[in-house]
Amino acid sequence: MSPAFFDYVRGRSEVVPDGYAEAGMRAYRHLVHLGASQLVDAHFPRVRQELGEEAWRCLIEAFVRQSAWTSPYYGDLKEAFLAFLAREAA
């Protein structure tokens, strides 16, 4: 998969990569954000509760877009999320 694919899915770009349908790419982006949200929420439910849904959505979008998360495994998100929060707090 190309860097353009990952940039679109992470929300770093709004340009649909060549060879992909826009609807499919939007669905994939949604699934990545949903998966990240669910797995981070499983580890940090109080954060979501205290932030509220709109702020939580923005936080997850920023995390997916800006983080250094490179693992293909959602289980690795906890450490990546903590590193993201540390960078954002600095």
Foldseek 3Di string as FASTA:
>chain_A
DDPQLLCLLLVVDVDDDPPDDNVVSVVSSVVVLVLLLVLLCVVPVVVCVVLDDVSSSVLSSCLSNPWPDDDPDSNPSNVRSVVVVVVVVD
